[in-house]
């Protein structure tokens, strides 16, 4: 497996979780999410990656959208979590904490682990 393929698979699930986290703190519009994720290079996305993910989350009713006037241009479509989206985010957080904790332990103690 090539590194880029592995990275792509890892990013896919993590990206969904991070988007739910960002939207969970406050409603955000699509381009704002692109700019926020751009702060962390491994999570940077294009609009072509983000909007299909947002559409799927809308279809699955984890997020909802609404239009809001902008002070600097046309109205923007904002996204916020639904109750089921918040439950999904909390479940993802619990799983992420378990997985990342286990990986961290393996990285620290991998050479010291006996069968």
C-alpha atoms as a PDB file:
ATOM      1  CA  UNK A   1       0.000   0.000   0.000  1.00  0.00           C
ATOM      2  CA  UNK A   2       1.301   3.413  -0.905  1.00  0.00           C
ATOM      3  CA  UNK A   3       1.594   6.052   1.792  1.00  0.00           C
ATOM      4  CA  UNK A   4      -0.818   8.409   0.006  1.00  0.00           C
ATOM      5  CA  UNK A   5      -3.515   5.707  -0.094  1.00  0.00           C
ATOM      6  CA  UNK A   6      -3.087   4.953   3.616  1.00  0.00           C
ATOM      7  CA  UNK A   7      -3.168   8.663   4.496  1.00  0.00           C
ATOM      8  CA  UNK A   8      -6.315   9.145   2.433  1.00  0.00           C
ATOM      9  CA  UNK A   9      -8.105   6.317   4.232  1.00  0.00           C
ATOM     10  CA  UNK A  10      -7.102   7.612   7.671  1.00  0.00           C
ATOM     11  CA  UNK A  11      -8.095  11.211   6.833  1.00  0.00           C
ATOM     12  CA  UNK A  12     -11.548  10.280   5.535  1.00  0.00           C
ATOM     13  CA  UNK A  13     -12.989   9.252   8.909  1.00  0.00           C
ATOM     14  CA  UNK A  14     -11.061  11.801  10.929  1.00  0.00           C
ATOM     15  CA  UNK A  15     -12.202  14.616   8.663  1.00  0.00           C
ATOM     16  CA  UNK A  16     -15.874  13.818   9.255  1.00  0.00           C
ATOM     17  CA  UNK A  17     -15.282  13.832  13.011  1.00  0.00           C
ATOM     18  CA  UNK A  18     -13.413  17.159  12.856  1.00  0.00           C
ATOM     19  CA  UNK A  19     -16.167  18.780  10.790  1.00  0.00           C
ATOM     20  CA  UNK A  20     -18.777  17.656  13.314  1.00  0.00           C
ATOM     21  CA  UNK A  21     -16.593  19.083  16.096  1.00  0.00           C
ATOM     22  CA  UNK A  22     -16.248  22.455  14.345  1.00  0.00           C
ATOM     23  CA  UNK A  23     -19.961  22.674  13.545  1.00  0.00           C
ATOM     24  CA  UNK A  24     -20.771  21.458  17.049  1.00  0.00           C
ATOM     25  CA  UNK A  25     -19.147  24.506  18.624  1.00  0.00           C
ATOM     26  CA  UNK A  26     -21.148  26.943  16.514  1.00  0.00           C
ATOM     27  CA  UNK A  27     -22.873  27.034  13.114  1.00  0.00           C
ATOM     28  CA  UNK A  28     -20.406  27.543  10.292  1.00  0.00           C
ATOM     29  CA  UNK A  29     -20.559  28.024   6.530  1.00  0.00           C
ATOM     30  CA  UNK A  30     -18.710  25.848   4.046  1.00  0.00           C
ATOM     31  CA  UNK A  31     -15.858  28.126   3.070  1.00  0.00           C
ATOM     32  CA  UNK A  32     -15.282  28.926   6.749  1.00  0.00           C
ATOM     33  CA  UNK A  33     -14.796  25.192   7.369  1.00  0.00           C
ATOM     34  CA  UNK A  34     -12.305  25.010   4.498  1.00  0.00           C
ATOM     35  CA  UNK A  35     -10.328  27.912   5.989  1.00  0.00           C
ATOM     36  CA  UNK A  36     -10.436  26.493   9.523  1.00  0.00           C
ATOM     37  CA  UNK A  37      -9.258  23.047   8.430  1.00  0.00           C
ATOM     38  CA  UNK A  38      -6.507  24.691   6.400  1.00  0.00           C
ATOM     39  CA  UNK A  39      -4.873  25.693   9.719  1.00  0.00           C
ATOM     40  CA  UNK A  40      -3.941  22.043  10.204  1.00  0.00           C
ATOM     41  CA  UNK A  41      -2.174  20.912   7.034  1.00  0.00           C
ATOM     42  CA  UNK A  42      -3.021  17.210   7.395  1.00  0.00           C
ATOM     43  CA  UNK A  43      -6.722  18.133   7.543  1.00  0.00           C
ATOM     44  CA  UNK A  44      -6.750  20.737   4.760  1.00  0.00           C
ATOM     45  CA  UNK A  45      -9.529  20.137   2.231  1.00  0.00           C
ATOM     46  CA  UNK A  46     -10.825  21.677  -0.935  1.00  0.00           C
ATOM     47  CA  UNK A  47     -14.420  22.710  -1.441  1.00  0.00           C
ATOM     48  CA  UNK A  48     -14.692  19.754  -3.822  1.00  0.00           C
ATOM     49  CA  UNK A  49     -13.996  17.418  -0.904  1.00  0.00           C
ATOM     50  CA  UNK A  50     -15.964  19.297   1.752  1.00  0.00           C
ATOM     51  CA  UNK A  51     -19.311  19.901   0.057  1.00  0.00           C
ATOM     52  CA  UNK A  52     -20.036  16.253  -0.852  1.00  0.00           C
ATOM     53  CA  UNK A  53     -19.324  15.350   2.784  1.00  0.00           C
ATOM     54  CA  UNK A  54     -21.669  18.097   4.005  1.00  0.00           C
ATOM     55  CA  UNK A  55     -24.366  16.912   1.570  1.00  0.00           C
ATOM     56  CA  UNK A  56     -24.065  13.360   2.909  1.00  0.00           C
ATOM     57  CA  UNK A  57     -24.255  14.556   6.513  1.00  0.00           C
ATOM     58  CA  UNK A  58     -27.363  16.582   5.576  1.00  0.00           C
ATOM     59  CA  UNK A  59     -28.947  13.588   3.854  1.00  0.00           C
ATOM     60  CA  UNK A  60     -28.231  11.406   6.890  1.00  0.00           C
ATOM     61  CA  UNK A  61     -29.754  14.170   9.082  1.00  0.00           C
ATOM     62  CA  UNK A  62     -26.654  14.654  11.232  1.00  0.00           C
ATOM     63  CA  UNK A  63     -26.514  18.324  10.280  1.00  0.00           C
ATOM     64  CA  UNK A  64     -29.018  20.901   9.096  1.00  0.00           C
ATOM     65  CA  UNK A  65     -28.539  24.070   7.103  1.00  0.00           C
ATOM     66  CA  UNK A  66     -29.935  27.574   7.058  1.00  0.00           C
ATOM     67  CA  UNK A  67     -29.214  30.758   5.137  1.00  0.00           C
ATOM     68  CA  UNK A  68     -27.907  33.863   6.858  1.00  0.00           C
ATOM     69  CA  UNK A  69     -27.170  37.313   5.475  1.00  0.00           C
ATOM     70  CA  UNK A  70     -23.503  38.193   5.186  1.00  0.00           C
ATOM     71  CA  UNK A  71     -21.990  41.569   5.956  1.00  0.00           C
ATOM     72  CA  UNK A  72     -19.554  41.115   3.079  1.00  0.00           C
ATOM     73  CA  UNK A  73     -21.436  39.627   0.133  1.00  0.00           C
ATOM     74  CA  UNK A  74     -24.314  37.308  -0.631  1.00  0.00           C
ATOM     75  CA  UNK A  75     -26.134  35.219   2.002  1.00  0.00           C
ATOM     76  CA  UNK A  76     -24.218  32.195   3.284  1.00  0.00           C
ATOM     77  CA  UNK A  77     -25.447  28.683   3.940  1.00  0.00           C
ATOM     78  CA  UNK A  78     -24.621  27.730   7.520  1.00  0.00           C
ATOM     79  CA  UNK A  79     -24.528  24.228   8.954  1.00  0.00           C
ATOM     80  CA  UNK A  80     -25.345  23.149  12.496  1.00  0.00           C
ATOM     81  CA  UNK A  81     -25.649  19.810  14.270  1.00  0.00           C
ATOM     82  CA  UNK A  82     -28.952  18.062  14.764  1.00  0.00           C
ATOM     83  CA  UNK A  83     -29.578  16.065  17.934  1.00  0.00           C
ATOM     84  CA  UNK A  84     -28.559  12.877  16.117  1.00  0.00           C
ATOM     85  CA  UNK A  85     -25.463  14.662  14.813  1.00  0.00           C
ATOM     86  CA  UNK A  86     -24.507  15.646  18.337  1.00  0.00           C
ATOM     87  CA  UNK A  87     -24.960  12.032  19.492  1.00  0.00           C
ATOM     88  CA  UNK A  88     -22.809  10.849  16.573  1.00  0.00           C
ATOM     89  CA  UNK A  89     -20.116  13.388  17.435  1.00  0.00           C
ATOM     90  CA  UNK A  90     -20.062  12.279  21.086  1.00  0.00           C
ATOM     91  CA  UNK A  91     -19.826   8.614  20.015  1.00  0.00           C
ATOM     92  CA  UNK A  92     -17.036   9.435  17.572  1.00  0.00           C
ATOM     93  CA  UNK A  93     -15.212  11.336  20.302  1.00  0.00           C
ATOM     94  CA  UNK A  94     -15.362   8.334  22.635  1.00  0.00           C
ATOM     95  CA  UNK A  95     -14.102   5.996  19.908  1.00  0.00           C
ATOM     96  CA  UNK A  96     -11.386   8.433  18.852  1.00  0.00           C
ATOM     97  CA  UNK A  97     -10.159   8.701  22.438  1.00  0.00           C
ATOM     98  CA  UNK A  98      -9.992   4.899  22.747  1.00  0.00           C
ATOM     99  CA  UNK A  99      -8.235   4.436  19.407  1.00  0.00           C
ATOM    100  CA  UNK A 100      -5.780   7.310  19.777  1.00  0.00           C
ATOM    101  CA  UNK A 101      -4.997   6.240  23.352  1.00  0.00           C
ATOM    102  CA  UNK A 102      -4.288   2.688  22.251  1.00  0.00           C
ATOM    103  CA  UNK A 103      -2.083   3.854  19.365  1.00  0.00           C
ATOM    104  CA  UNK A 104      -0.205   6.176  21.709  1.00  0.00           C
ATOM    105  CA  UNK A 105       0.417   3.299  24.131  1.00  0.00           C
ATOM    106  CA  UNK A 106       1.665   1.083  21.308  1.00  0.00           C
ATOM    107  CA  UNK A 107       4.011   3.832  20.124  1.00  0.00           C
ATOM    108  CA  UNK A 108       5.412   4.313  23.631  1.00  0.00           C
ATOM    109  CA  UNK A 109       5.592   0.702  24.748  1.00  0.00           C
ATOM    110  CA  UNK A 110       5.557  -1.323  21.539  1.00  0.00           C
ATOM    111  CA  UNK A 111       9.054  -2.632  22.018  1.00  0.00           C
ATOM    112  CA  UNK A 112       8.412  -3.564  25.636  1.00  0.00           C
ATOM    113  CA  UNK A 113       5.218  -5.555  25.099  1.00  0.00           C
ATOM    114  CA  UNK A 114       5.550  -9.302  25.629  1.00  0.00           C
ATOM    115  CA  UNK A 115       3.162 -11.872  24.209  1.00  0.00           C
END
